[in-house]
Amino acid sequence: MLKAAGIFLVVIGTAGFGNSLKLLMNRHLTQLLSFQGIFIQMELLKTSLRLPYGQMLRRCARGKESLYGDFLEGIAGEMEENHEMDVGILWEKGFYEKRREFLFTEEEREILVALARTMSMESSSTKACEIYFFRLEKQIAQVLEEKKEKQKLYRAVGVLSGLFLVILLL
């Protein structure tokens, strides 16, 4: 009976480990998609309403999860305090402060900061924004592909390690 309980716990533990890695990958993808949506909303606000950058950030922060809303509000607040500070530096600082919550790679962070910096410029061309949106979409597609591959791998490794531990316990 004790062996059966141990086997059950080992199998559940290894399955849980694989599932936690899957959840991290889903969270990473969700964060990328959320920022893509934020930047699309900012682009629409910029072209249609011609709002100042800080107000665009505040509008985009409304109704978002606290992670994104607080992040955007923080940047907008710092912009109001220091009008001459570079927007890219504010975004980098914000990502650094929330590095535990955001699961972005260095390349993804660079794309997001460059896109934020480009959108903050009065004379920014739509072509430059399109390039960064394309790069962001490419990263999202890459993460989706990676997710498919790694999900299978994590599941297989979890099951095999669970079986290995079960054999050792017997």
N, C-alpha and C. Protein backbone atom coordinates (compact mmCIF):
# COMPACT_ATOMS: atom_id res chain seq x y z
N MET A 1 0.82 -1.19 0.00
CA MET A 1 0.00 0.00 0.00
C MET A 1 0.87 1.26 0.00
N LEU A 2 1.93 1.20 0.80
CA LEU A 2 2.83 2.34 0.89
C LEU A 2 3.56 2.58 -0.44
N LYS A 3 3.95 1.48 -1.09
CA LYS A 3 4.60 1.61 -2.40
C LYS A 3 3.63 2.22 -3.42
N ALA A 4 2.39 1.81 -3.40
CA ALA A 4 1.40 2.32 -4.34
C ALA A 4 1.20 3.82 -4.12
N ALA A 5 1.16 4.23 -2.87
CA ALA A 5 1.01 5.66 -2.57
C ALA A 5 2.24 6.43 -3.04
N GLY A 6 3.43 5.87 -2.85
CA GLY A 6 4.66 6.51 -3.31
C GLY A 6 4.70 6.63 -4.82
N ILE A 7 4.30 5.57 -5.49
CA ILE A 7 4.26 5.58 -6.96
C ILE A 7 3.29 6.64 -7.44
N PHE A 8 2.12 6.69 -6.80
CA PHE A 8 1.12 7.68 -7.17
C PHE A 8 1.66 9.10 -7.00
N LEU A 9 2.31 9.36 -5.88
CA LEU A 9 2.87 10.69 -5.62
C LEU A 9 3.96 11.06 -6.63
N VAL A 10 4.80 10.11 -6.98
CA VAL A 10 5.87 10.37 -7.95
C VAL A 10 5.29 10.71 -9.32
N VAL A 11 4.31 9.94 -9.75
CA VAL A 11 3.69 10.18 -11.06
C VAL A 11 2.99 11.53 -11.08
N ILE A 12 2.27 11.84 -10.02
CA ILE A 12 1.57 13.13 -9.94
C ILE A 12 2.59 14.27 -9.91
N GLY A 13 3.68 14.10 -9.18
CA GLY A 13 4.71 15.14 -9.10
C GLY A 13 5.38 15.42 -10.43
N THR A 14 5.71 14.39 -11.15
CA THR A 14 6.36 14.60 -12.45
C THR A 14 5.39 15.18 -13.45
N ALA A 15 4.14 14.77 -13.39
CA ALA A 15 3.12 15.35 -14.29
C ALA A 15 2.91 16.82 -13.93
N GLY A 16 2.93 17.13 -12.65
CA GLY A 16 2.79 18.52 -12.21
C GLY A 16 3.94 19.39 -12.66
N PHE A 17 5.14 18.84 -12.67
CA PHE A 17 6.30 19.59 -13.14
C PHE A 17 6.16 19.93 -14.62
N GLY A 18 5.76 18.95 -15.41
CA GLY A 18 5.54 19.19 -16.84
C GLY A 18 4.44 20.20 -17.07
N ASN A 19 3.40 20.14 -16.25
CA ASN A 19 2.28 21.07 -16.38
C ASN A 19 2.70 22.49 -15.99
N SER A 20 3.54 22.62 -14.97
CA SER A 20 3.99 23.96 -14.57
C SER A 20 4.85 24.61 -15.66
N LEU A 21 5.65 23.82 -16.34
CA LEU A 21 6.43 24.36 -17.45
C LEU A 21 5.52 24.78 -18.60
N LYS A 22 4.47 24.02 -18.82
CA LYS A 22 3.49 24.36 -19.86
C LYS A 22 2.79 25.67 -19.51
N LEU A 23 2.44 25.85 -18.25
CA LEU A 23 1.79 27.08 -17.82
C LEU A 23 2.70 28.29 -17.98
N LEU A 24 3.99 28.12 -17.72
CA LEU A 24 4.95 29.22 -17.93
C LEU A 24 5.01 29.62 -19.40
N MET A 25 5.01 28.63 -20.28
CA MET A 25 5.03 28.93 -21.71
C MET A 25 3.76 29.65 -22.14
N ASN A 26 2.61 29.23 -21.59
CA ASN A 26 1.35 29.89 -21.91
C ASN A 26 1.36 31.34 -21.41
N ARG A 27 1.91 31.56 -20.23
CA ARG A 27 1.99 32.91 -19.67
C ARG A 27 2.88 33.81 -20.52
N HIS A 28 3.98 33.26 -20.99
CA HIS A 28 4.89 34.01 -21.86
C HIS A 28 4.18 34.43 -23.14
N LEU A 29 3.48 33.50 -23.74
CA LEU A 29 2.74 33.79 -24.97
C LEU A 29 1.64 34.82 -24.72
N THR A 30 0.93 34.68 -23.62
CA THR A 30 -0.13 35.64 -23.27
C THR A 30 0.44 37.04 -23.10
N GLN A 31 1.60 37.15 -22.47
CA GLN A 31 2.22 38.46 -22.27
C GLN A 31 2.61 39.09 -23.60
N LEU A 32 3.17 38.31 -24.49
CA LEU A 32 3.51 38.85 -25.81
C LEU A 32 2.27 39.32 -26.56
N LEU A 33 1.23 38.52 -26.54
CA LEU A 33 -0.01 38.89 -27.22
C LEU A 33 -0.66 40.12 -26.58
N SER A 34 -0.56 40.23 -25.27
CA SER A 34 -1.12 41.39 -24.58
C SER A 34 -0.39 42.67 -24.98
N PHE A 35 0.92 42.61 -25.03
CA PHE A 35 1.67 43.80 -25.44
C PHE A 35 1.44 44.12 -26.91
N GLN A 36 1.26 43.12 -27.72
CA GLN A 36 0.92 43.38 -29.12
C GLN A 36 -0.40 44.15 -29.19
N GLY A 37 -1.38 43.72 -28.41
CA GLY A 37 -2.67 44.40 -28.36
C GLY A 37 -2.55 45.82 -27.83
N ILE A 38 -1.71 46.01 -26.84
CA ILE A 38 -1.48 47.35 -26.28
C ILE A 38 -0.91 48.27 -27.34
N PHE A 39 0.08 47.80 -28.08
CA PHE A 39 0.70 48.64 -29.09
C PHE A 39 -0.24 48.91 -30.27
N ILE A 40 -1.08 47.96 -30.60
CA ILE A 40 -2.07 48.20 -31.65
C ILE A 40 -3.05 49.27 -31.18
N GLN A 41 -3.47 49.17 -29.94
CA GLN A 41 -4.37 50.17 -29.39
C GLN A 41 -3.70 51.55 -29.35
N MET A 42 -2.41 51.59 -28.99
CA MET A 42 -1.68 52.86 -28.97
C MET A 42 -1.57 53.45 -30.37
N GLU A 43 -1.33 52.61 -31.34
CA GLU A 43 -1.22 53.08 -32.73
C GLU A 43 -2.55 53.68 -33.20
N LEU A 44 -3.64 53.03 -32.84
CA LEU A 44 -4.96 53.55 -33.21
C LEU A 44 -5.25 54.89 -32.52
N LEU A 45 -4.88 54.98 -31.24
CA LEU A 45 -5.09 56.24 -30.51
C LEU A 45 -4.23 57.36 -31.08
N LYS A 46 -3.03 56.99 -31.49
CA LYS A 46 -2.11 58.00 -32.02
C LYS A 46 -2.61 58.53 -33.36
N THR A 47 -3.06 57.64 -34.22
CA THR A 47 -3.48 58.08 -35.55
C THR A 47 -4.86 58.72 -35.55
N SER A 48 -5.77 58.21 -34.73
CA SER A 48 -7.13 58.74 -34.78
C SER A 48 -7.34 59.95 -33.87
N LEU A 49 -6.85 59.89 -32.64
CA LEU A 49 -7.10 60.98 -31.70
C LEU A 49 -5.92 61.92 -31.53
N ARG A 50 -4.76 61.51 -31.99
CA ARG A 50 -3.54 62.31 -31.86
C ARG A 50 -3.29 62.73 -30.41
N LEU A 51 -3.43 61.77 -29.51
CA LEU A 51 -3.21 62.02 -28.09
C LEU A 51 -1.71 62.07 -27.78
N PRO A 52 -1.33 62.82 -26.75
CA PRO A 52 0.06 62.76 -26.29
C PRO A 52 0.37 61.36 -25.77
N TYR A 53 1.63 61.03 -25.76
CA TYR A 53 2.06 59.67 -25.44
C TYR A 53 1.61 59.24 -24.04
N GLY A 54 1.75 60.11 -23.05
CA GLY A 54 1.35 59.77 -21.70
C GLY A 54 -0.13 59.46 -21.59
N GLN A 55 -0.95 60.23 -22.28
CA GLN A 55 -2.39 59.99 -22.26
C GLN A 55 -2.74 58.69 -22.99
N MET A 56 -1.99 58.39 -24.05
CA MET A 56 -2.21 57.11 -24.74
C MET A 56 -1.95 55.95 -23.79
N LEU A 57 -0.86 56.06 -23.03
CA LEU A 57 -0.53 55.00 -22.08
C LEU A 57 -1.62 54.84 -21.03
N ARG A 58 -2.10 55.96 -20.52
CA ARG A 58 -3.16 55.91 -19.50
C ARG A 58 -4.45 55.31 -20.07
N ARG A 59 -4.80 55.65 -21.29
CA ARG A 59 -6.00 55.09 -21.92
C ARG A 59 -5.84 53.58 -22.13
N CYS A 60 -4.64 53.18 -22.55
CA CYS A 60 -4.40 51.75 -22.77
C CYS A 60 -4.40 50.97 -21.46
N ALA A 61 -4.04 51.65 -20.36
CA ALA A 61 -3.98 50.98 -19.06
C ALA A 61 -5.36 50.67 -18.50
N ARG A 62 -6.36 51.43 -18.93
CA ARG A 62 -7.72 51.22 -18.44
C ARG A 62 -8.24 49.84 -18.84
N GLY A 63 -8.76 49.14 -17.85
CA GLY A 63 -9.38 47.84 -18.12
C GLY A 63 -8.40 46.70 -18.31
N LYS A 64 -7.12 46.95 -18.21
CA LYS A 64 -6.14 45.88 -18.37
C LYS A 64 -5.89 45.21 -17.01
N GLU A 65 -5.33 44.02 -17.05
CA GLU A 65 -4.92 43.35 -15.82
C GLU A 65 -3.98 44.27 -15.06
N SER A 66 -3.90 44.07 -13.76
CA SER A 66 -3.10 44.98 -12.94
C SER A 66 -1.63 44.99 -13.36
N LEU A 67 -1.11 43.87 -13.82
CA LEU A 67 0.29 43.83 -14.25
C LEU A 67 0.54 44.82 -15.37
N TYR A 68 -0.30 44.81 -16.38
CA TYR A 68 -0.12 45.70 -17.52
C TYR A 68 -0.56 47.12 -17.19
N GLY A 69 -1.67 47.25 -16.50
CA GLY A 69 -2.16 48.58 -16.14
C GLY A 69 -1.18 49.34 -15.26
N ASP A 70 -0.65 48.66 -14.24
CA ASP A 70 0.34 49.31 -13.36
C ASP A 70 1.61 49.67 -14.12
N PHE A 71 2.01 48.79 -15.01
CA PHE A 71 3.21 49.03 -15.81
C PHE A 71 3.04 50.29 -16.65
N LEU A 72 1.93 50.39 -17.37
CA LEU A 72 1.68 51.54 -18.24
C LEU A 72 1.47 52.81 -17.43
N GLU A 73 0.75 52.71 -16.32
CA GLU A 73 0.53 53.88 -15.45
C GLU A 73 1.85 54.38 -14.88
N GLY A 74 2.74 53.45 -14.52
CA GLY A 74 4.05 53.84 -13.99
C GLY A 74 4.87 54.62 -15.00
N ILE A 75 4.85 54.17 -16.23
CA ILE A 75 5.60 54.87 -17.29
C ILE A 75 4.99 56.24 -17.54
N ALA A 76 3.66 56.30 -17.60
CA ALA A 76 2.98 57.59 -17.82
C ALA A 76 3.27 58.55 -16.67
N GLY A 77 3.27 58.05 -15.45
CA GLY A 77 3.56 58.89 -14.29
C GLY A 77 4.97 59.44 -14.32
N GLU A 78 5.93 58.59 -14.68
CA GLU A 78 7.32 59.05 -14.76
C GLU A 78 7.51 60.05 -15.90
N MET A 79 6.74 59.89 -16.97
CA MET A 79 6.82 60.84 -18.07
C MET A 79 6.33 62.22 -17.64
N GLU A 80 5.30 62.25 -16.79
CA GLU A 80 4.79 63.52 -16.31
C GLU A 80 5.80 64.21 -15.38
N GLU A 81 6.51 63.41 -14.59
CA GLU A 81 7.50 63.97 -13.68
C GLU A 81 8.72 64.51 -14.42
N ASN A 82 9.15 63.80 -15.44
CA ASN A 82 10.36 64.19 -16.17
C ASN A 82 10.04 64.16 -17.67
N HIS A 83 9.72 65.31 -18.22
CA HIS A 83 9.29 65.41 -19.62
C HIS A 83 10.41 65.10 -20.61
N GLU A 84 11.65 65.28 -20.20
CA GLU A 84 12.77 65.13 -21.14
C GLU A 84 13.38 63.73 -21.13
N MET A 85 12.86 62.84 -20.31
CA MET A 85 13.43 61.50 -20.23
C MET A 85 13.02 60.69 -21.46
N ASP A 86 13.95 59.89 -21.94
CA ASP A 86 13.71 59.05 -23.11
C ASP A 86 12.69 57.96 -22.78
N VAL A 87 11.71 57.79 -23.63
CA VAL A 87 10.65 56.80 -23.42
C VAL A 87 11.24 55.39 -23.38
N GLY A 88 12.20 55.13 -24.23
CA GLY A 88 12.82 53.80 -24.26
C GLY A 88 13.46 53.44 -22.93
N ILE A 89 14.08 54.42 -22.29
CA ILE A 89 14.70 54.19 -20.98
C ILE A 89 13.63 53.88 -19.94
N LEU A 90 12.51 54.58 -20.02
CA LEU A 90 11.41 54.32 -19.08
C LEU A 90 10.86 52.91 -19.24
N TRP A 91 10.71 52.48 -20.50
CA TRP A 91 10.22 51.12 -20.75
C TRP A 91 11.23 50.09 -20.26
N GLU A 92 12.51 50.32 -20.54
CA GLU A 92 13.54 49.39 -20.06
C GLU A 92 13.54 49.31 -18.55
N LYS A 93 13.42 50.46 -17.90
CA LYS A 93 13.37 50.51 -16.44
C LYS A 93 12.15 49.75 -15.92
N GLY A 94 11.01 49.95 -16.57
CA GLY A 94 9.79 49.24 -16.17
C GLY A 94 9.93 47.73 -16.32
N PHE A 95 10.51 47.29 -17.43
CA PHE A 95 10.72 45.86 -17.63
C PHE A 95 11.71 45.31 -16.61
N TYR A 96 12.72 46.11 -16.27
CA TYR A 96 13.71 45.65 -15.28
C TYR A 96 13.05 45.50 -13.91
N GLU A 97 12.20 46.46 -13.54
CA GLU A 97 11.54 46.40 -12.24
C GLU A 97 10.58 45.22 -12.14
N LYS A 98 9.99 44.84 -13.25
CA LYS A 98 9.02 43.73 -13.25
C LYS A 98 9.59 42.49 -13.94
N ARG A 99 10.89 42.33 -13.87
CA ARG A 99 11.53 41.21 -14.58
C ARG A 99 11.08 39.85 -14.07
N ARG A 100 10.60 39.77 -12.83
CA ARG A 100 10.11 38.50 -12.31
C ARG A 100 8.73 38.15 -12.87
N GLU A 101 7.94 39.17 -13.19
CA GLU A 101 6.60 38.91 -13.72
C GLU A 101 6.59 38.72 -15.23
N PHE A 102 7.42 39.50 -15.94
CA PHE A 102 7.46 39.39 -17.39
C PHE A 102 8.49 38.34 -17.79
N LEU A 103 8.10 37.47 -18.68
CA LEU A 103 8.95 36.34 -19.09
C LEU A 103 9.59 36.56 -20.45
N PHE A 104 9.89 37.80 -20.80
CA PHE A 104 10.42 38.11 -22.12
C PHE A 104 11.90 37.78 -22.22
N THR A 105 12.30 37.38 -23.43
CA THR A 105 13.71 37.22 -23.71
C THR A 105 14.29 38.61 -24.00
N GLU A 106 15.59 38.67 -24.08
CA GLU A 106 16.25 39.95 -24.36
C GLU A 106 15.80 40.53 -25.71
N GLU A 107 15.70 39.67 -26.70
CA GLU A 107 15.28 40.12 -28.03
C GLU A 107 13.85 40.66 -28.02
N GLU A 108 12.97 39.99 -27.31
CA GLU A 108 11.59 40.45 -27.22
C GLU A 108 11.50 41.79 -26.50
N ARG A 109 12.27 41.93 -25.44
CA ARG A 109 12.30 43.22 -24.72
C ARG A 109 12.80 44.33 -25.62
N GLU A 110 13.83 44.05 -26.39
CA GLU A 110 14.37 45.06 -27.31
C GLU A 110 13.33 45.48 -28.35
N ILE A 111 12.58 44.52 -28.88
CA ILE A 111 11.54 44.84 -29.86
C ILE A 111 10.48 45.73 -29.23
N LEU A 112 10.04 45.37 -28.02
CA LEU A 112 8.99 46.14 -27.35
C LEU A 112 9.47 47.55 -27.02
N VAL A 113 10.70 47.68 -26.56
CA VAL A 113 11.25 49.00 -26.23
C VAL A 113 11.41 49.84 -27.50
N ALA A 114 11.91 49.23 -28.56
CA ALA A 114 12.07 49.97 -29.83
C ALA A 114 10.72 50.41 -30.39
N LEU A 115 9.73 49.56 -30.27
CA LEU A 115 8.39 49.92 -30.74
C LEU A 115 7.81 51.06 -29.90
N ALA A 116 8.01 51.00 -28.59
CA ALA A 116 7.54 52.08 -27.71
C ALA A 116 8.24 53.38 -28.03
N ARG A 117 9.54 53.31 -28.26
CA ARG A 117 10.33 54.50 -28.58
C ARG A 117 9.87 55.09 -29.92
N THR A 118 9.64 54.25 -30.90
CA THR A 118 9.20 54.71 -32.22
C THR A 118 7.84 55.37 -32.15
N MET A 119 6.94 54.80 -31.37
CA MET A 119 5.60 55.36 -31.26
C MET A 119 5.58 56.68 -30.50
N SER A 120 6.59 56.91 -29.69
CA SER A 120 6.62 58.15 -28.90
C SER A 120 7.07 59.35 -29.73
N MET A 121 7.70 59.09 -30.84
CA MET A 121 8.19 60.19 -31.66
C MET A 121 7.04 60.85 -32.41
N GLU A 122 7.05 62.17 -32.42
CA GLU A 122 6.00 62.92 -33.11
C GLU A 122 5.97 62.60 -34.60
N SER A 123 7.16 62.51 -35.18
CA SER A 123 7.25 62.32 -36.62
C SER A 123 7.53 60.87 -37.01
N SER A 124 7.19 59.95 -36.12
CA SER A 124 7.50 58.55 -36.41
C SER A 124 6.72 58.09 -37.64
N SER A 125 7.43 57.39 -38.47
CA SER A 125 6.77 56.91 -39.68
C SER A 125 6.03 55.62 -39.39
N THR A 126 4.97 55.43 -40.11
CA THR A 126 4.18 54.21 -39.96
C THR A 126 5.01 53.02 -40.40
N LYS A 127 5.91 53.25 -41.35
CA LYS A 127 6.74 52.16 -41.87
C LYS A 127 7.63 51.59 -40.77
N ALA A 128 8.21 52.46 -39.94
CA ALA A 128 9.07 51.99 -38.84
C ALA A 128 8.26 51.16 -37.86
N CYS A 129 7.06 51.62 -37.53
CA CYS A 129 6.19 50.86 -36.62
C CYS A 129 5.82 49.52 -37.23
N GLU A 130 5.55 49.50 -38.52
CA GLU A 130 5.20 48.24 -39.20
C GLU A 130 6.33 47.23 -39.11
N ILE A 131 7.56 47.71 -39.22
CA ILE A 131 8.71 46.82 -39.12
C ILE A 131 8.77 46.17 -37.75
N TYR A 132 8.58 46.97 -36.70
CA TYR A 132 8.61 46.42 -35.35
C TYR A 132 7.42 45.52 -35.07
N PHE A 133 6.24 45.86 -35.62
CA PHE A 133 5.09 44.98 -35.48
C PHE A 133 5.35 43.64 -36.17
N PHE A 134 5.99 43.69 -37.33
CA PHE A 134 6.33 42.46 -38.04
C PHE A 134 7.29 41.61 -37.22
N ARG A 135 8.29 42.26 -36.63
CA ARG A 135 9.25 41.52 -35.79
C ARG A 135 8.56 40.91 -34.58
N LEU A 136 7.61 41.64 -33.99
CA LEU A 136 6.88 41.14 -32.84
C LEU A 136 6.01 39.95 -33.24
N GLU A 137 5.35 40.04 -34.38
CA GLU A 137 4.55 38.91 -34.87
C GLU A 137 5.42 37.69 -35.14
N LYS A 138 6.60 37.93 -35.66
CA LYS A 138 7.54 36.84 -35.92
C LYS A 138 7.95 36.16 -34.60
N GLN A 139 8.18 36.96 -33.55
CA GLN A 139 8.53 36.40 -32.25
C GLN A 139 7.37 35.59 -31.69
N ILE A 140 6.16 36.09 -31.86
CA ILE A 140 4.99 35.37 -31.35
C ILE A 140 4.84 34.03 -32.08
N ALA A 141 5.05 34.03 -33.39
CA ALA A 141 4.98 32.78 -34.15
C ALA A 141 6.06 31.80 -33.70
N GLN A 142 7.23 32.34 -33.41
CA GLN A 142 8.33 31.49 -32.93
C GLN A 142 8.00 30.89 -31.57
N VAL A 143 7.42 31.68 -30.68
CA VAL A 143 7.04 31.18 -29.35
C VAL A 143 5.94 30.12 -29.47
N LEU A 144 5.00 30.34 -30.38
CA LEU A 144 3.95 29.34 -30.61
C LEU A 144 4.54 28.01 -31.08
N GLU A 145 5.45 28.08 -32.01
CA GLU A 145 6.10 26.87 -32.53
C GLU A 145 6.92 26.18 -31.43
N GLU A 146 7.63 26.98 -30.67
CA GLU A 146 8.45 26.45 -29.57
C GLU A 146 7.55 25.80 -28.52
N LYS A 147 6.41 26.41 -28.28
CA LYS A 147 5.46 25.88 -27.30
C LYS A 147 4.97 24.50 -27.71
N LYS A 148 4.64 24.34 -28.98
CA LYS A 148 4.17 23.04 -29.46
C LYS A 148 5.23 21.97 -29.26
N GLU A 149 6.47 22.30 -29.64
CA GLU A 149 7.55 21.33 -29.53
C GLU A 149 7.87 20.99 -28.07
N LYS A 150 7.98 22.02 -27.25
CA LYS A 150 8.38 21.79 -25.86
C LYS A 150 7.29 21.15 -25.03
N GLN A 151 6.04 21.40 -25.38
CA GLN A 151 4.95 20.78 -24.65
C GLN A 151 5.04 19.27 -24.74
N LYS A 152 5.29 18.77 -25.94
CA LYS A 152 5.43 17.34 -26.13
C LYS A 152 6.65 16.81 -25.37
N LEU A 153 7.73 17.56 -25.44
CA LEU A 153 8.96 17.15 -24.75
C LEU A 153 8.75 17.10 -23.25
N TYR A 154 8.15 18.14 -22.68
CA TYR A 154 7.93 18.18 -21.23
C TYR A 154 7.02 17.05 -20.78
N ARG A 155 6.01 16.78 -21.56
CA ARG A 155 5.09 15.70 -21.22
C ARG A 155 5.83 14.36 -21.24
N ALA A 156 6.62 14.14 -22.29
CA ALA A 156 7.35 12.87 -22.41
C ALA A 156 8.39 12.72 -21.31
N VAL A 157 9.13 13.78 -21.03
CA VAL A 157 10.15 13.72 -19.97
C VAL A 157 9.49 13.49 -18.61
N GLY A 158 8.35 14.14 -18.38
CA GLY A 158 7.65 13.94 -17.11
C GLY A 158 7.20 12.51 -16.92
N VAL A 159 6.61 11.94 -17.95
CA VAL A 159 6.14 10.56 -17.86
C VAL A 159 7.30 9.60 -17.71
N LEU A 160 8.35 9.78 -18.52
CA LEU A 160 9.50 8.88 -18.45
C LEU A 160 10.23 8.97 -17.11
N SER A 161 10.39 10.18 -16.60
CA SER A 161 11.06 10.31 -15.30
C SER A 161 10.20 9.72 -14.19
N GLY A 162 8.87 9.88 -14.32
CA GLY A 162 7.98 9.26 -13.34
C GLY A 162 8.08 7.74 -13.37
N LEU A 163 8.09 7.18 -14.57
CA LEU A 163 8.23 5.72 -14.70
C LEU A 163 9.58 5.25 -14.17
N PHE A 164 10.62 6.01 -14.45
CA PHE A 164 11.95 5.65 -13.97
C PHE A 164 11.97 5.62 -12.43
N LEU A 165 11.38 6.65 -11.82
CA LEU A 165 11.35 6.68 -10.37
C LEU A 165 10.50 5.55 -9.80
N VAL A 166 9.42 5.22 -10.49
CA VAL A 166 8.58 4.10 -10.05
C VAL A 166 9.36 2.81 -10.07
N ILE A 167 10.13 2.59 -11.13
CA ILE A 167 10.95 1.38 -11.24
C ILE A 167 11.99 1.34 -10.13
N LEU A 168 12.58 2.48 -9.84
CA LEU A 168 13.56 2.55 -8.75
C LEU A 168 12.93 2.23 -7.40
N LEU A 169 11.71 2.69 -7.19
CA LEU A 169 11.04 2.43 -5.91
C LEU A 169 10.64 0.99 -5.75
N LEU A 170 10.38 0.32 -6.86
CA LEU A 170 9.98 -1.09 -6.76
C LEU A 170 11.19 -1.90 -6.41
